[in-house]
Structure formats: C-alpha cells, structure tokens
Amino acid sequence: INPLNFRNYKKSMALVSLAGIITNLILAFFAVPFFKLCAGFASSTNAG
C-alpha cells in the first residue's frame, strides 16, 4: 500500500486497517447458519 496515493490519508488508512478485520468477522458471521445446517453431520460416516 502507498498511502501517498490516498485521497484522504487518515480516513483511508483507518478503513484499510479495519478492512481485513471486518471481512473476517463478516465471513464468520455468515458461516454460522451453514454450520448450523451441517451440525447434524458431526457423527456422519459420509466423508463429504
């Protein structure tokens, strides 16, 4: 990243810094319903 290219240094740096964290939280959040759907597979003998 080259901060000199940002249109607004402080705002952009703050957003870029938080982007990865927020993305990981969003991914975890939306993985939860799929996990709940797959919870019944915990004792399954099917590899898939």
All heavy atoms as atom14 arrays in JSON, in Angstrom:
{
  "sequence": "INPLNFRNYKKSMALVSLAGIITNLILAFFAVPFFKLCAGFASSTNAG",
  "atom14_mask": [
    [1, 1, 1, 1, 1, 1, 1, 1, 0, 0, 0, 0, 0, 0],
    [1, 1, 1, 1, 1, 1, 1, 1, 0, 0, 0, 0, 0, 0],
    [1, 1, 1, 1, 1, 1, 1, 0, 0, 0, 0, 0, 0, 0],
    [1, 1, 1, 1, 1, 1, 1, 1, 0, 0, 0, 0, 0, 0],
    [1, 1, 1, 1, 1, 1, 1, 1, 0, 0, 0, 0, 0, 0],
    [1, 1, 1, 1, 1, 1, 1, 1, 1, 1, 1, 0, 0, 0],
    [1, 1, 1, 1, 1, 1, 1, 1, 1, 1, 1, 0, 0, 0],
    [1, 1, 1, 1, 1, 1, 1, 1, 0, 0, 0, 0, 0, 0],
    [1, 1, 1, 1, 1, 1, 1, 1, 1, 1, 1, 1, 0, 0],
    [1, 1, 1, 1, 1, 1, 1, 1, 1, 0, 0, 0, 0, 0],
    [1, 1, 1, 1, 1, 1, 1, 1, 1, 0, 0, 0, 0, 0],
    [1, 1, 1, 1, 1, 1, 0, 0, 0, 0, 0, 0, 0, 0],
    [1, 1, 1, 1, 1, 1, 1, 1, 0, 0, 0, 0, 0, 0],
    [1, 1, 1, 1, 1, 0, 0, 0, 0, 0, 0, 0, 0, 0],
    [1, 1, 1, 1, 1, 1, 1, 1, 0, 0, 0, 0, 0, 0],
    [1, 1, 1, 1, 1, 1, 1, 0, 0, 0, 0, 0, 0, 0],
    [1, 1, 1, 1, 1, 1, 0, 0, 0, 0, 0, 0, 0, 0],
    [1, 1, 1, 1, 1, 1, 1, 1, 0, 0, 0, 0, 0, 0],
    [1, 1, 1, 1, 1, 0, 0, 0, 0, 0, 0, 0, 0, 0],
    [1, 1, 1, 1, 0, 0, 0, 0, 0, 0, 0, 0, 0, 0],
    [1, 1, 1, 1, 1, 1, 1, 1, 0, 0, 0, 0, 0, 0],
    [1, 1, 1, 1, 1, 1, 1, 1, 0, 0, 0, 0, 0, 0],
    [1, 1, 1, 1, 1, 1, 1, 0, 0, 0, 0, 0, 0, 0],
    [1, 1, 1, 1, 1, 1, 1, 1, 0, 0, 0, 0, 0, 0],
    [1, 1, 1, 1, 1, 1, 1, 1, 0, 0, 0, 0, 0, 0],
    [1, 1, 1, 1, 1, 1, 1, 1, 0, 0, 0, 0, 0, 0],
    [1, 1, 1, 1, 1, 1, 1, 1, 0, 0, 0, 0, 0, 0],
    [1, 1, 1, 1, 1, 0, 0, 0, 0, 0, 0, 0, 0, 0],
    [1, 1, 1, 1, 1, 1, 1, 1, 1, 1, 1, 0, 0, 0],
    [1, 1, 1, 1, 1, 1, 1, 1, 1, 1, 1, 0, 0, 0],
    [1, 1, 1, 1, 1, 0, 0, 0, 0, 0, 0, 0, 0, 0],
    [1, 1, 1, 1, 1, 1, 1, 0, 0, 0, 0, 0, 0, 0],
    [1, 1, 1, 1, 1, 1, 1, 0, 0, 0, 0, 0, 0, 0],
    [1, 1, 1, 1, 1, 1, 1, 1, 1, 1, 1, 0, 0, 0],
    [1, 1, 1, 1, 1, 1, 1, 1, 1, 1, 1, 0, 0, 0],
    [1, 1, 1, 1, 1, 1, 1, 1, 1, 0, 0, 0, 0, 0],
    [1, 1, 1, 1, 1, 1, 1, 1, 0, 0, 0, 0, 0, 0],
    [1, 1, 1, 1, 1, 1, 0, 0, 0, 0, 0, 0, 0, 0],
    [1, 1, 1, 1, 1, 0, 0, 0, 0, 0, 0, 0, 0, 0],
    [1, 1, 1, 1, 0, 0, 0, 0, 0, 0, 0, 0, 0, 0],
    [1, 1, 1, 1, 1, 1, 1, 1, 1, 1, 1, 0, 0, 0],
    [1, 1, 1, 1, 1, 0, 0, 0, 0, 0, 0, 0, 0, 0],
    [1, 1, 1, 1, 1, 1, 0, 0, 0, 0, 0, 0, 0, 0],
    [1, 1, 1, 1, 1, 1, 0, 0, 0, 0, 0, 0, 0, 0],
    [1, 1, 1, 1, 1, 1, 1, 0, 0, 0, 0, 0, 0, 0],
    [1, 1, 1, 1, 1, 1, 1, 1, 0, 0, 0, 0, 0, 0],
    [1, 1, 1, 1, 1, 0, 0, 0, 0, 0, 0, 0, 0, 0],
    [1, 1, 1, 1, 0, 0, 0, 0, 0, 0, 0, 0, 0, 0]
  ],
  "atom14_positions": [
    [[0.85, -1.2, 0.0], [0.0, 0.0, 0.0], [0.88, 1.24, 0.0], [1.89, 1.29, 0.71], [-0.92, 0.02, 1.25], [-1.95, -1.11, 1.15], [-1.63, 1.37, 1.4], [-2.75, -1.3, 2.42], [0.0, 0.0, 0.0], [0.0, 0.0, 0.0], [0.0, 0.0, 0.0], [0.0, 0.0, 0.0], [0.0, 0.0, 0.0], [0.0, 0.0, 0.0]],
    [[0.5, 2.22, -0.79], [1.2, 3.5, -0.81], [0.23, 4.59, -0.35], [-0.59, 5.07, -1.14], [1.71, 3.82, -2.21], [2.56, 5.1, -2.24], [2.65, 5.81, -1.24], [3.16, 5.38, -3.37], [0.0, 0.0, 0.0], [0.0, 0.0, 0.0], [0.0, 0.0, 0.0], [0.0, 0.0, 0.0], [0.0, 0.0, 0.0], [0.0, 0.0, 0.0]],
    [[0.31, 4.98, 0.92], [-0.63, 5.96, 1.48], [-0.6, 7.32, 0.76], [-1.57, 8.08, 0.86], [-0.16, 6.12, 2.94], [0.6, 4.87, 3.22], [1.28, 4.51, 1.93], [0.0, 0.0, 0.0], [0.0, 0.0, 0.0], [0.0, 0.0, 0.0], [0.0, 0.0, 0.0], [0.0, 0.0, 0.0], [0.0, 0.0, 0.0], [0.0, 0.0, 0.0]],
    [[0.49, 7.6, 0.05], [0.59, 8.88, -0.66], [-0.45, 8.98, -1.77], [-0.76, 10.08, -2.24], [2.0, 9.06, -1.24], [3.14, 9.14, -0.22], [4.48, 9.25, -0.94], [2.94, 10.33, 0.71], [0.0, 0.0, 0.0], [0.0, 0.0, 0.0], [0.0, 0.0, 0.0], [0.0, 0.0, 0.0], [0.0, 0.0, 0.0], [0.0, 0.0, 0.0]],
    [[-0.99, 7.84, -2.18], [-1.99, 7.85, -3.24], [-3.42, 8.03, -2.73], [-4.35, 8.21, -3.52], [-1.93, 6.53, -4.03], [-0.63, 6.38, -4.8], [-0.08, 7.37, -5.28], [-0.14, 5.16, -4.93], [0.0, 0.0, 0.0], [0.0, 0.0, 0.0], [0.0, 0.0, 0.0], [0.0, 0.0, 0.0], [0.0, 0.0, 0.0], [0.0, 0.0, 0.0]],
    [[-3.59, 7.97, -1.41], [-4.93, 8.09, -0.85], [-5.49, 9.5, -1.03], [-4.77, 10.49, -0.9], [-4.93, 7.76, 0.64], [-4.71, 6.29, 0.93], [-4.06, 5.9, 2.08], [-5.17, 5.31, 0.06], [-3.86, 4.54, 2.37], [-4.97, 3.97, 0.33], [-4.31, 3.58, 1.49], [0.0, 0.0, 0.0], [0.0, 0.0, 0.0], [0.0, 0.0, 0.0]],
    [[-6.78, 9.56, -1.31], [-7.43, 10.87, -1.46], [-7.58, 11.56, -0.1], [-7.52, 12.78, 0.0], [-8.81, 10.68, -2.12], [-8.72, 10.3, -3.6], [-10.09, 10.21, -4.23], [-10.83, 9.06, -3.75], [-10.78, 7.85, -4.32], [-10.0, 7.66, -5.38], [-11.49, 6.85, -3.85], [0.0, 0.0, 0.0], [0.0, 0.0, 0.0], [0.0, 0.0, 0.0]],
    [[-7.83, 10.76, 0.93], [-7.94, 11.28, 2.29], [-7.12, 10.35, 3.18], [-7.54, 9.23, 3.46], [-9.4, 11.31, 2.74], [-9.59, 11.88, 4.13], [-8.86, 11.57, 5.05], [-10.59, 12.74, 4.27], [0.0, 0.0, 0.0], [0.0, 0.0, 0.0], [0.0, 0.0, 0.0], [0.0, 0.0, 0.0], [0.0, 0.0, 0.0], [0.0, 0.0, 0.0]],
    [[-5.94, 10.81, 3.61], [-4.99, 9.93, 4.28], [-5.56, 9.24, 5.51], [-5.58, 8.0, 5.59], [-3.73, 10.71, 4.67], [-2.77, 9.88, 5.5], [-1.96, 8.93, 4.9], [-2.71, 10.03, 6.89], [-1.1, 8.14, 5.66], [-1.86, 9.25, 7.65], [-1.05, 8.31, 7.03], [-0.22, 7.53, 7.79], [0.0, 0.0, 0.0], [0.0, 0.0, 0.0]],
    [[-6.04, 10.01, 6.48], [-6.48, 9.41, 7.75], [-7.69, 8.5, 7.56], [-7.72, 7.37, 8.07], [-6.81, 10.51, 8.76], [-5.57, 11.16, 9.36], [-5.93, 12.03, 10.55], [-4.67, 12.57, 11.21], [-4.98, 13.36, 12.42], [0.0, 0.0, 0.0], [0.0, 0.0, 0.0], [0.0, 0.0, 0.0], [0.0, 0.0, 0.0], [0.0, 0.0, 0.0]],
    [[-8.67, 8.96, 6.83], [-9.87, 8.16, 6.61], [-9.52, 6.87, 5.87], [-9.98, 5.78, 6.23], [-10.9, 8.95, 5.82], [-12.18, 8.18, 5.51], [-13.15, 9.03, 4.71], [-14.4, 8.25, 4.36], [-15.34, 9.05, 3.54], [0.0, 0.0, 0.0], [0.0, 0.0, 0.0], [0.0, 0.0, 0.0], [0.0, 0.0, 0.0], [0.0, 0.0, 0.0]],
    [[-8.7, 6.99, 4.85], [-8.33, 5.83, 4.03], [-7.5, 4.83, 4.82], [-7.73, 3.61, 4.75], [-7.56, 6.27, 2.79], [-8.35, 7.11, 1.98], [0.0, 0.0, 0.0], [0.0, 0.0, 0.0], [0.0, 0.0, 0.0], [0.0, 0.0, 0.0], [0.0, 0.0, 0.0], [0.0, 0.0, 0.0], [0.0, 0.0, 0.0], [0.0, 0.0, 0.0]],
    [[-6.52, 5.31, 5.58], [-5.69, 4.42, 6.38], [-6.52, 3.67, 7.42], [-6.31, 2.48, 7.66], [-4.57, 5.2, 7.07], [-3.37, 5.47, 6.2], [-2.54, 3.96, 5.61], [-2.02, 3.21, 7.14], [0.0, 0.0, 0.0], [0.0, 0.0, 0.0], [0.0, 0.0, 0.0], [0.0, 0.0, 0.0], [0.0, 0.0, 0.0], [0.0, 0.0, 0.0]],
    [[-7.46, 4.38, 8.02], [-8.33, 3.76, 9.01], [-9.18, 2.66, 8.37], [-9.31, 1.55, 8.92], [-9.22, 4.81, 9.66], [0.0, 0.0, 0.0], [0.0, 0.0, 0.0], [0.0, 0.0, 0.0], [0.0, 0.0, 0.0], [0.0, 0.0, 0.0], [0.0, 0.0, 0.0], [0.0, 0.0, 0.0], [0.0, 0.0, 0.0], [0.0, 0.0, 0.0]],
    [[-9.75, 2.95, 7.22], [-10.59, 1.98, 6.52], [-9.78, 0.76, 6.06], [-10.22, -0.38, 6.2], [-11.27, 2.64, 5.32], [-12.35, 3.67, 5.64], [-12.83, 4.35, 4.36], [-13.53, 3.0, 6.36], [0.0, 0.0, 0.0], [0.0, 0.0, 0.0], [0.0, 0.0, 0.0], [0.0, 0.0, 0.0], [0.0, 0.0, 0.0], [0.0, 0.0, 0.0]],
    [[-8.6, 1.02, 5.51], [-7.75, -0.09, 5.05], [-7.33, -0.95, 6.23], [-7.31, -2.19, 6.14], [-6.51, 0.45, 4.31], [-5.51, -0.67, 4.03], [-6.92, 1.12, 3.0], [0.0, 0.0, 0.0], [0.0, 0.0, 0.0], [0.0, 0.0, 0.0], [0.0, 0.0, 0.0], [0.0, 0.0, 0.0], [0.0, 0.0, 0.0], [0.0, 0.0, 0.0]],
    [[-7.0, -0.33, 7.35], [-6.57, -1.08, 8.54], [-7.67, -1.99, 9.07], [-7.41, -3.11, 9.52], [-6.14, -0.11, 9.64], [-5.04, 0.67, 9.24], [0.0, 0.0, 0.0], [0.0, 0.0, 0.0], [0.0, 0.0, 0.0], [0.0, 0.0, 0.0], [0.0, 0.0, 0.0], [0.0, 0.0, 0.0], [0.0, 0.0, 0.0], [0.0, 0.0, 0.0]],
    [[-8.91, -1.52, 9.0], [-10.03, -2.29, 9.53], [-10.62, -3.27, 8.53], [-11.39, -4.16, 8.91], [-11.15, -1.33, 9.99], [-10.82, -0.44, 11.19], [-11.99, 0.5, 11.46], [-10.53, -1.27, 12.43], [0.0, 0.0, 0.0], [0.0, 0.0, 0.0], [0.0, 0.0, 0.0], [0.0, 0.0, 0.0], [0.0, 0.0, 0.0], [0.0, 0.0, 0.0]],
    [[-10.26, -3.13, 7.25], [-10.89, -3.93, 6.19], [-10.75, -5.43, 6.41], [-11.71, -6.19, 6.28], [-10.29, -3.55, 4.84], [0.0, 0.0, 0.0], [0.0, 0.0, 0.0], [0.0, 0.0, 0.0], [0.0, 0.0, 0.0], [0.0, 0.0, 0.0], [0.0, 0.0, 0.0], [0.0, 0.0, 0.0], [0.0, 0.0, 0.0], [0.0, 0.0, 0.0]],
    [[-9.54, -5.87, 6.75], [-9.31, -7.3, 6.94], [-10.07, -7.84, 8.14], [-10.67, -8.92, 8.09], [0.0, 0.0, 0.0], [0.0, 0.0, 0.0], [0.0, 0.0, 0.0], [0.0, 0.0, 0.0], [0.0, 0.0, 0.0], [0.0, 0.0, 0.0], [0.0, 0.0, 0.0], [0.0, 0.0, 0.0], [0.0, 0.0, 0.0], [0.0, 0.0, 0.0]],
    [[-10.08, -7.08, 9.23], [-10.77, -7.48, 10.46], [-12.27, -7.62, 10.21], [-12.89, -8.62, 10.57], [-10.51, -6.45, 11.58], [-9.03, -6.47, 11.96], [-11.39, -6.74, 12.8], [-8.63, -5.35, 12.9], [0.0, 0.0, 0.0], [0.0, 0.0, 0.0], [0.0, 0.0, 0.0], [0.0, 0.0, 0.0], [0.0, 0.0, 0.0], [0.0, 0.0, 0.0]],
    [[-12.84, -6.6, 9.59], [-14.28, -6.6, 9.31], [-14.65, -7.74, 8.37], [-15.66, -8.42, 8.55], [-14.71, -5.25, 8.72], [-14.56, -4.14, 9.78], [-16.15, -5.31, 8.22], [-14.8, -2.75, 9.26], [0.0, 0.0, 0.0], [0.0, 0.0, 0.0], [0.0, 0.0, 0.0], [0.0, 0.0, 0.0], [0.0, 0.0, 0.0], [0.0, 0.0, 0.0]],
    [[-13.8, -7.98, 7.37], [-14.06, -9.06, 6.42], [-14.07, -10.41, 7.12], [-14.96, -11.25, 6.88], [-12.98, -9.06, 5.31], [-13.09, -7.85, 4.57], [-13.17, -10.25, 4.37], [0.0, 0.0, 0.0], [0.0, 0.0, 0.0], [0.0, 0.0, 0.0], [0.0, 0.0, 0.0], [0.0, 0.0, 0.0], [0.0, 0.0, 0.0], [0.0, 0.0, 0.0]],
    [[-13.11, -10.65, 8.01], [-13.08, -11.92, 8.74], [-14.3, -12.09, 9.62], [-14.86, -13.19, 9.72], [-11.81, -12.01, 9.59], [-10.56, -12.24, 8.79], [-9.54, -11.6, 8.98], [-10.62, -13.17, 7.84], [0.0, 0.0, 0.0], [0.0, 0.0, 0.0], [0.0, 0.0, 0.0], [0.0, 0.0, 0.0], [0.0, 0.0, 0.0], [0.0, 0.0, 0.0]],
    [[-14.75, -11.01, 10.25], [-15.95, -11.09, 11.09], [-17.19, -11.37, 10.25], [-18.06, -12.16, 10.65], [-16.13, -9.79, 11.88], [-15.13, -9.57, 13.02], [-15.34, -8.19, 13.64], [-15.27, -10.65, 14.09], [0.0, 0.0, 0.0], [0.0, 0.0, 0.0], [0.0, 0.0, 0.0], [0.0, 0.0, 0.0], [0.0, 0.0, 0.0], [0.0, 0.0, 0.0]],
    [[-17.28, -10.76, 9.08], [-18.42, -10.99, 8.19], [-18.43, -12.45, 7.71], [-19.49, -13.09, 7.67], [-18.36, -10.03, 6.98], [-18.65, -8.6, 7.43], [-19.37, -10.45, 5.9], [-18.48, -7.56, 6.34], [0.0, 0.0, 0.0], [0.0, 0.0, 0.0], [0.0, 0.0, 0.0], [0.0, 0.0, 0.0], [0.0, 0.0, 0.0], [0.0, 0.0, 0.0]],
    [[-17.27, -12.96, 7.35], [-17.17, -14.35, 6.9], [-17.61, -15.31, 8.01], [-18.34, -16.27, 7.75], [-15.74, -14.67, 6.47], [-15.26, -14.0, 5.18], [-13.77, -14.26, 4.97], [-16.06, -14.5, 3.98], [0.0, 0.0, 0.0], [0.0, 0.0, 0.0], [0.0, 0.0, 0.0], [0.0, 0.0, 0.0], [0.0, 0.0, 0.0], [0.0, 0.0, 0.0]],
    [[-17.15, -15.04, 9.23], [-17.54, -15.9, 10.36], [-19.03, -15.81, 10.61], [-19.71, -16.83, 10.85], [-16.77, -15.48, 11.61], [0.0, 0.0, 0.0], [0.0, 0.0, 0.0], [0.0, 0.0, 0.0], [0.0, 0.0, 0.0], [0.0, 0.0, 0.0], [0.0, 0.0, 0.0], [0.0, 0.0, 0.0], [0.0, 0.0, 0.0], [0.0, 0.0, 0.0]],
    [[-19.56, -14.6, 10.53], [-20.99, -14.36, 10.78], [-21.86, -15.18, 9.81], [-22.81, -15.84, 10.23], [-21.28, -12.87, 10.64], [-22.73, -12.51, 10.79], [-23.3, -12.45, 12.05], [-23.52, -12.23, 9.69], [-24.64, -12.12, 12.21], [-24.86, -11.89, 9.83], [-25.42, -11.85, 11.09], [0.0, 0.0, 0.0], [0.0, 0.0, 0.0], [0.0, 0.0, 0.0]],
    [[-21.51, -15.14, 8.53], [-22.33, -15.84, 7.54], [-22.0, -17.33, 7.44], [-22.74, -18.08, 6.8], [-22.18, -15.17, 6.17], [-22.95, -13.89, 6.05], [-22.3, -12.67, 6.07], [-24.34, -13.91, 5.97], [-23.01, -11.49, 5.99], [-25.06, -12.72, 5.89], [-24.4, -11.5, 5.9], [0.0, 0.0, 0.0], [0.0, 0.0, 0.0], [0.0, 0.0, 0.0]],
    [[-20.92, -17.75, 8.09], [-20.62, -19.19, 8.13], [-21.46, -19.89, 9.2], [-21.68, -21.11, 9.11], [-19.14, -19.41, 8.41], [0.0, 0.0, 0.0], [0.0, 0.0, 0.0], [0.0, 0.0, 0.0], [0.0, 0.0, 0.0], [0.0, 0.0, 0.0], [0.0, 0.0, 0.0], [0.0, 0.0, 0.0], [0.0, 0.0, 0.0], [0.0, 0.0, 0.0]],
    [[-21.94, -19.12, 10.17], [-22.71, -19.71, 11.28], [-23.96, -20.45, 10.81], [-24.19, -21.6, 11.23], [-23.07, -18.63, 12.33], [-24.09, -19.17, 13.33], [-21.82, -18.17, 13.06], [0.0, 0.0, 0.0], [0.0, 0.0, 0.0], [0.0, 0.0, 0.0], [0.0, 0.0, 0.0], [0.0, 0.0, 0.0], [0.0, 0.0, 0.0], [0.0, 0.0, 0.0]],
    [[-24.82, -19.85, 9.96], [-26.02, -20.6, 9.54], [-25.67, -21.88, 8.78], [-26.39, -22.89, 8.9], [-26.78, -19.61, 8.66], [-25.76, -18.6, 8.23], [-24.83, -18.5, 9.39], [0.0, 0.0, 0.0], [0.0, 0.0, 0.0], [0.0, 0.0, 0.0], [0.0, 0.0, 0.0], [0.0, 0.0, 0.0], [0.0, 0.0, 0.0], [0.0, 0.0, 0.0]],
    [[-24.59, -21.87, 8.01], [-24.18, -23.08, 7.3], [-23.7, -24.15, 8.28], [-23.93, -25.34, 8.09], [-23.08, -22.75, 6.27], [-23.57, -21.9, 5.14], [-23.35, -20.53, 5.13], [-24.26, -22.47, 4.08], [-23.8, -19.73, 4.08], [-24.72, -21.68, 3.02], [-24.5, -20.32, 3.03], [0.0, 0.0, 0.0], [0.0, 0.0, 0.0], [0.0, 0.0, 0.0]],
    [[-23.02, -23.68, 9.34], [-22.59, -24.62, 10.36], [-23.79, -25.26, 11.07], [-23.79, -26.47, 11.34], [-21.72, -23.9, 11.4], [-21.35, -24.75, 12.58], [-20.43, -25.78, 12.46], [-21.95, -24.54, 13.82], [-20.1, -26.59, 13.54], [-21.62, -25.32, 14.92], [-20.69, -26.35, 14.77], [0.0, 0.0, 0.0], [0.0, 0.0, 0.0], [0.0, 0.0, 0.0]],
    [[-24.79, -24.44, 11.34], [-26.0, -24.96, 11.99], [-26.68, -26.0, 11.1], [-27.2, -27.01, 11.59], [-26.96, -23.81, 12.33], [-26.45, -22.9, 13.44], [-27.32, -21.67, 13.6], [-28.66, -22.01, 14.23], [-28.53, -22.35, 15.67], [0.0, 0.0, 0.0], [0.0, 0.0, 0.0], [0.0, 0.0, 0.0], [0.0, 0.0, 0.0], [0.0, 0.0, 0.0]],
    [[-26.66, -25.75, 9.78], [-27.26, -26.71, 8.85], [-26.45, -28.01, 8.79], [-27.0, -29.09, 8.58], [-27.34, -26.1, 7.45], [-28.36, -24.97, 7.26], [-28.21, -24.34, 5.88], [-29.79, -25.5, 7.43], [0.0, 0.0, 0.0], [0.0, 0.0, 0.0], [0.0, 0.0, 0.0], [0.0, 0.0, 0.0], [0.0, 0.0, 0.0], [0.0, 0.0, 0.0]],
    [[-25.14, -27.88, 8.98], [-24.24, -29.05, 8.9], [-24.03, -29.73, 10.24], [-23.32, -30.74, 10.32], [-22.89, -28.63, 8.33], [-22.95, -28.03, 6.62], [0.0, 0.0, 0.0], [0.0, 0.0, 0.0], [0.0, 0.0, 0.0], [0.0, 0.0, 0.0], [0.0, 0.0, 0.0], [0.0, 0.0, 0.0], [0.0, 0.0, 0.0], [0.0, 0.0, 0.0]],
    [[-24.61, -29.17, 11.3], [-24.37, -29.71, 12.64], [-24.76, -31.18, 12.76], [-24.15, -31.95, 13.49], [-25.12, -28.88, 13.69], [0.0, 0.0, 0.0], [0.0, 0.0, 0.0], [0.0, 0.0, 0.0], [0.0, 0.0, 0.0], [0.0, 0.0, 0.0], [0.0, 0.0, 0.0], [0.0, 0.0, 0.0], [0.0, 0.0, 0.0], [0.0, 0.0, 0.0]],
    [[-25.77, -31.58, 11.99], [-26.22, -32.97, 12.03], [-25.24, -33.94, 11.39], [-25.38, -35.15, 11.52], [0.0, 0.0, 0.0], [0.0, 0.0, 0.0], [0.0, 0.0, 0.0], [0.0, 0.0, 0.0], [0.0, 0.0, 0.0], [0.0, 0.0, 0.0], [0.0, 0.0, 0.0], [0.0, 0.0, 0.0], [0.0, 0.0, 0.0], [0.0, 0.0, 0.0]],
    [[-24.22, -33.37, 10.69], [-23.23, -34.22, 10.03], [-22.08, -34.61, 10.96], [-21.18, -35.34, 10.57], [-22.63, -33.52, 8.81], [-23.63, -33.13, 7.76], [-23.35, -32.14, 6.84], [-24.86, -33.76, 7.68], [-24.26, -31.78, 5.86], [-25.79, -33.42, 6.71], [-25.49, -32.42, 5.79], [0.0, 0.0, 0.0], [0.0, 0.0, 0.0], [0.0, 0.0, 0.0]],
    [[-22.12, -34.11, 12.2], [-20.99, -34.31, 13.13], [-20.66, -35.78, 13.34], [-19.5, -36.16, 13.47], [-21.29, -33.64, 14.46], [0.0, 0.0, 0.0], [0.0, 0.0, 0.0], [0.0, 0.0, 0.0], [0.0, 0.0, 0.0], [0.0, 0.0, 0.0], [0.0, 0.0, 0.0], [0.0, 0.0, 0.0], [0.0, 0.0, 0.0], [0.0, 0.0, 0.0]],
    [[-21.68, -36.61, 13.38], [-21.45, -38.03, 13.63], [-21.63, -38.88, 12.37], [-21.72, -40.1, 12.45], [-22.4, -38.53, 14.73], [-23.75, -38.31, 14.34], [0.0, 0.0, 0.0], [0.0, 0.0, 0.0], [0.0, 0.0, 0.0], [0.0, 0.0, 0.0], [0.0, 0.0, 0.0], [0.0, 0.0, 0.0], [0.0, 0.0, 0.0], [0.0, 0.0, 0.0]],
    [[-21.66, -38.22, 11.23], [-21.87, -38.93, 9.97], [-20.63, -39.74, 9.57], [-19.5, -39.37, 9.89], [-22.21, -37.94, 8.86], [-22.3, -38.59, 7.61], [0.0, 0.0, 0.0], [0.0, 0.0, 0.0], [0.0, 0.0, 0.0], [0.0, 0.0, 0.0], [0.0, 0.0, 0.0], [0.0, 0.0, 0.0], [0.0, 0.0, 0.0], [0.0, 0.0, 0.0]],
    [[-20.86, -40.82, 8.87], [-19.75, -41.62, 8.35], [-19.46, -41.26, 6.9], [-18.53, -41.81, 6.3], [-20.08, -43.12, 8.45], [-21.3, -43.38, 7.74], [-20.23, -43.55, 9.9], [0.0, 0.0, 0.0], [0.0, 0.0, 0.0], [0.0, 0.0, 0.0], [0.0, 0.0, 0.0], [0.0, 0.0, 0.0], [0.0, 0.0, 0.0], [0.0, 0.0, 0.0]],
    [[-20.24, -40.34, 6.35], [-20.04, -39.9, 4.98], [-18.93, -38.86, 4.94], [-18.99, -37.84, 5.64], [-21.34, -39.32, 4.43], [-21.2, -38.84, 2.99], [-20.67, -37.77, 2.73], [-21.68, -39.66, 2.06], [0.0, 0.0, 0.0], [0.0, 0.0, 0.0], [0.0, 0.0, 0.0], [0.0, 0.0, 0.0], [0.0, 0.0, 0.0], [0.0, 0.0, 0.0]],
    [[-17.88, -39.09, 4.13], [-16.72, -38.2, 4.11], [-17.09, -36.78, 3.71], [-16.6, -35.81, 4.27], [-15.66, -38.75, 3.15], [0.0, 0.0, 0.0], [0.0, 0.0, 0.0], [0.0, 0.0, 0.0], [0.0, 0.0, 0.0], [0.0, 0.0, 0.0], [0.0, 0.0, 0.0], [0.0, 0.0, 0.0], [0.0, 0.0, 0.0], [0.0, 0.0, 0.0]],
    [[-17.97, -36.64, 2.73], [-18.38, -35.32, 2.26], [-19.09, -34.53, 3.34], [-18.84, -33.33, 3.52], [0.0, 0.0, 0.0], [0.0, 0.0, 0.0], [0.0, 0.0, 0.0], [0.0, 0.0, 0.0], [0.0, 0.0, 0.0], [0.0, 0.0, 0.0], [0.0, 0.0, 0.0], [0.0, 0.0, 0.0], [0.0, 0.0, 0.0], [0.0, 0.0, 0.0]]
  ]
}
